[in-house]
Amino acid sequence: MKDIVKSNPDKWYGRNLTEANEWTNIGQELKLEQFLNEEDHIKAIQHYFLHLIDELDKLKKEYPNVPWKSM
């Protein structure tokens, strides 16, 4: 996960990446205002979520050793 954040620090952030006994995670954030400025903000949000799903799929393939777990 550290490599993912390190490769794109402007996009990804990490939490507890150095703590061995803690849950770790990575994520992205965008402010709601960025979507509200769009002509169709619902469509913009949907597009963003679909983009994130595609990106996650690519990360899973690029980093197969990360313990990806579905709930």
N, C-alpha and C. Protein backbone atom coordinates (compact mmCIF):
# COMPACT_ATOMS: atom_id res chain seq x y z
N MET A 1 0.82 -1.19 0.00
CA MET A 1 0.00 0.00 0.00
C MET A 1 0.86 1.26 0.00
N LYS A 2 2.00 1.17 0.68
CA LYS A 2 2.90 2.32 0.68
C LYS A 2 3.33 2.68 -0.73
N ASP A 3 3.58 1.66 -1.55
CA ASP A 3 4.01 1.91 -2.93
C ASP A 3 2.92 2.62 -3.73
N ILE A 4 1.67 2.27 -3.49
CA ILE A 4 0.56 2.91 -4.20
C ILE A 4 0.51 4.40 -3.85
N VAL A 5 0.60 4.70 -2.56
CA VAL A 5 0.56 6.10 -2.12
C VAL A 5 1.80 6.84 -2.63
N LYS A 6 2.96 6.19 -2.53
CA LYS A 6 4.21 6.82 -2.96
C LYS A 6 4.21 7.12 -4.46
N SER A 7 3.58 6.25 -5.24
CA SER A 7 3.58 6.44 -6.70
C SER A 7 2.64 7.56 -7.14
N ASN A 8 1.67 7.91 -6.31
CA ASN A 8 0.70 8.96 -6.66
C ASN A 8 0.26 9.74 -5.43
N PRO A 9 1.16 10.45 -4.78
CA PRO A 9 0.80 11.12 -3.53
C PRO A 9 -0.23 12.24 -3.68
N ASP A 10 -0.37 12.78 -4.88
CA ASP A 10 -1.38 13.83 -5.08
C ASP A 10 -2.79 13.24 -5.16
N LYS A 11 -2.86 11.94 -5.40
CA LYS A 11 -4.15 11.28 -5.57
C LYS A 11 -4.53 10.44 -4.36
N TRP A 12 -3.58 9.66 -3.83
CA TRP A 12 -3.85 8.71 -2.76
C TRP A 12 -3.30 9.20 -1.43
N TYR A 13 -3.99 8.85 -0.36
CA TYR A 13 -3.48 9.06 0.99
C TYR A 13 -3.54 7.71 1.71
N GLY A 14 -2.72 7.54 2.72
CA GLY A 14 -2.72 6.29 3.47
C GLY A 14 -2.90 6.55 4.96
N ARG A 15 -3.44 5.55 5.64
CA ARG A 15 -3.61 5.63 7.09
C ARG A 15 -3.02 4.37 7.72
N ASN A 16 -2.26 4.56 8.79
CA ASN A 16 -1.65 3.47 9.55
C ASN A 16 -0.77 2.56 8.69
N LEU A 17 -0.09 3.12 7.72
CA LEU A 17 0.72 2.30 6.82
C LEU A 17 1.98 1.75 7.47
N THR A 18 2.38 2.31 8.60
CA THR A 18 3.59 1.83 9.27
C THR A 18 3.28 1.05 10.54
N GLU A 19 2.01 0.92 10.89
CA GLU A 19 1.61 0.23 12.11
C GLU A 19 1.30 -1.23 11.80
N ALA A 20 2.09 -2.14 12.36
CA ALA A 20 1.93 -3.57 12.06
C ALA A 20 0.64 -4.15 12.64
N ASN A 21 0.19 -3.64 13.77
CA ASN A 21 -0.98 -4.22 14.45
C ASN A 21 -2.25 -3.42 14.25
N GLU A 22 -2.28 -2.56 13.26
CA GLU A 22 -3.45 -1.73 13.00
C GLU A 22 -4.01 -2.02 11.61
N TRP A 23 -5.29 -1.76 11.43
CA TRP A 23 -5.87 -1.83 10.10
C TRP A 23 -5.27 -0.70 9.28
N THR A 24 -4.90 -0.99 8.06
CA THR A 24 -4.37 0.04 7.18
C THR A 24 -5.34 0.26 6.04
N ASN A 25 -5.27 1.44 5.44
CA ASN A 25 -6.09 1.69 4.26
C ASN A 25 -5.49 2.81 3.44
N ILE A 26 -5.93 2.87 2.21
CA ILE A 26 -5.59 3.97 1.34
C ILE A 26 -6.89 4.52 0.79
N GLY A 27 -6.87 5.76 0.36
CA GLY A 27 -8.10 6.35 -0.16
C GLY A 27 -7.83 7.58 -0.99
N GLN A 28 -8.91 8.08 -1.54
CA GLN A 28 -8.91 9.33 -2.30
C GLN A 28 -10.06 10.17 -1.80
N GLU A 29 -9.93 11.46 -1.92
CA GLU A 29 -11.00 12.37 -1.53
C GLU A 29 -11.15 13.48 -2.55
N LEU A 30 -12.38 13.81 -2.83
CA LEU A 30 -12.69 15.00 -3.61
C LEU A 30 -13.77 15.77 -2.87
N LYS A 31 -13.69 17.05 -2.93
CA LYS A 31 -14.71 17.88 -2.28
C LYS A 31 -15.99 17.86 -3.10
N LEU A 32 -17.12 17.88 -2.42
CA LEU A 32 -18.42 17.87 -3.07
C LEU A 32 -18.57 19.04 -4.03
N GLU A 33 -17.95 20.16 -3.72
CA GLU A 33 -18.05 21.35 -4.57
C GLU A 33 -17.55 21.08 -5.99
N GLN A 34 -16.59 20.18 -6.10
CA GLN A 34 -16.06 19.87 -7.43
C GLN A 34 -17.14 19.25 -8.32
N PHE A 35 -18.04 18.49 -7.73
CA PHE A 35 -19.12 17.88 -8.49
C PHE A 35 -20.27 18.86 -8.72
N LEU A 36 -20.53 19.68 -7.73
CA LEU A 36 -21.65 20.61 -7.84
C LEU A 36 -21.43 21.67 -8.91
N ASN A 37 -20.18 21.90 -9.29
CA ASN A 37 -19.89 22.85 -10.36
C ASN A 37 -20.19 22.29 -11.75
N GLU A 38 -20.41 20.98 -11.82
CA GLU A 38 -20.70 20.34 -13.10
C GLU A 38 -22.15 20.60 -13.51
N GLU A 39 -22.39 20.58 -14.82
CA GLU A 39 -23.75 20.78 -15.32
C GLU A 39 -24.70 19.71 -14.78
N ASP A 40 -24.25 18.46 -14.80
CA ASP A 40 -25.02 17.34 -14.24
C ASP A 40 -24.19 16.71 -13.14
N HIS A 41 -24.38 17.20 -11.90
CA HIS A 41 -23.52 16.75 -10.81
C HIS A 41 -23.74 15.28 -10.45
N ILE A 42 -24.95 14.77 -10.65
CA ILE A 42 -25.20 13.35 -10.38
C ILE A 42 -24.39 12.48 -11.33
N LYS A 43 -24.42 12.83 -12.59
CA LYS A 43 -23.66 12.08 -13.59
C LYS A 43 -22.16 12.17 -13.31
N ALA A 44 -21.69 13.33 -12.88
CA ALA A 44 -20.27 13.51 -12.57
C ALA A 44 -19.85 12.62 -11.40
N ILE A 45 -20.70 12.51 -10.39
CA ILE A 45 -20.41 11.64 -9.23
C ILE A 45 -20.39 10.18 -9.67
N GLN A 46 -21.37 9.79 -10.48
CA GLN A 46 -21.41 8.42 -10.98
C GLN A 46 -20.16 8.10 -11.79
N HIS A 47 -19.75 9.03 -12.63
CA HIS A 47 -18.55 8.83 -13.45
C HIS A 47 -17.32 8.68 -12.55
N TYR A 48 -17.23 9.48 -11.51
CA TYR A 48 -16.11 9.40 -10.58
C TYR A 48 -16.07 8.03 -9.89
N PHE A 49 -17.21 7.54 -9.42
CA PHE A 49 -17.25 6.24 -8.76
C PHE A 49 -16.86 5.11 -9.72
N LEU A 50 -17.34 5.17 -10.95
CA LEU A 50 -16.98 4.16 -11.94
C LEU A 50 -15.49 4.20 -12.24
N HIS A 51 -14.94 5.40 -12.30
CA HIS A 51 -13.50 5.56 -12.50
C HIS A 51 -12.72 4.92 -11.34
N LEU A 52 -13.19 5.13 -10.10
CA LEU A 52 -12.52 4.55 -8.94
C LEU A 52 -12.56 3.02 -8.97
N ILE A 53 -13.69 2.46 -9.40
CA ILE A 53 -13.80 1.01 -9.50
C ILE A 53 -12.80 0.48 -10.52
N ASP A 54 -12.69 1.15 -11.67
CA ASP A 54 -11.71 0.75 -12.68
C ASP A 54 -10.29 0.85 -12.14
N GLU A 55 -10.01 1.92 -11.42
CA GLU A 55 -8.68 2.11 -10.86
C GLU A 55 -8.35 1.04 -9.82
N LEU A 56 -9.33 0.69 -9.00
CA LEU A 56 -9.13 -0.36 -8.01
C LEU A 56 -8.83 -1.70 -8.69
N ASP A 57 -9.54 -1.98 -9.77
CA ASP A 57 -9.29 -3.21 -10.51
C ASP A 57 -7.85 -3.25 -11.03
N LYS A 58 -7.37 -2.13 -11.55
CA LYS A 58 -5.99 -2.05 -12.03
C LYS A 58 -4.99 -2.24 -10.89
N LEU A 59 -5.27 -1.62 -9.73
CA LEU A 59 -4.37 -1.75 -8.58
C LEU A 59 -4.31 -3.20 -8.09
N LYS A 60 -5.45 -3.88 -8.09
CA LYS A 60 -5.46 -5.28 -7.65
C LYS A 60 -4.59 -6.14 -8.56
N LYS A 61 -4.58 -5.83 -9.84
CA LYS A 61 -3.75 -6.59 -10.78
C LYS A 61 -2.28 -6.22 -10.65
N GLU A 62 -2.01 -4.94 -10.42
CA GLU A 62 -0.63 -4.48 -10.31
C GLU A 62 0.02 -4.86 -8.98
N TYR A 63 -0.79 -4.97 -7.93
CA TYR A 63 -0.28 -5.30 -6.59
C TYR A 63 -1.02 -6.53 -6.04
N PRO A 64 -0.80 -7.70 -6.63
CA PRO A 64 -1.54 -8.89 -6.19
C PRO A 64 -1.19 -9.38 -4.78
N ASN A 65 -0.05 -8.93 -4.26
CA ASN A 65 0.36 -9.37 -2.92
C ASN A 65 -0.28 -8.58 -1.80
N VAL A 66 -0.98 -7.51 -2.11
CA VAL A 66 -1.71 -6.76 -1.08
C VAL A 66 -2.87 -7.65 -0.65
N PRO A 67 -3.12 -7.76 0.64
CA PRO A 67 -4.21 -8.63 1.10
C PRO A 67 -5.58 -8.00 0.84
N TRP A 68 -6.00 -8.01 -0.42
CA TRP A 68 -7.31 -7.45 -0.79
C TRP A 68 -8.38 -8.33 -0.19
N LYS A 69 -9.29 -7.74 0.52
CA LYS A 69 -10.35 -8.52 1.16
C LYS A 69 -11.69 -7.88 0.85
N SER A 70 -12.62 -8.68 0.39
CA SER A 70 -13.98 -8.19 0.13
C SER A 70 -14.82 -8.47 1.36
N MET A 71 -15.69 -7.58 1.62
CA MET A 71 -16.60 -7.79 2.75
C MET A 71 -17.94 -8.18 2.23
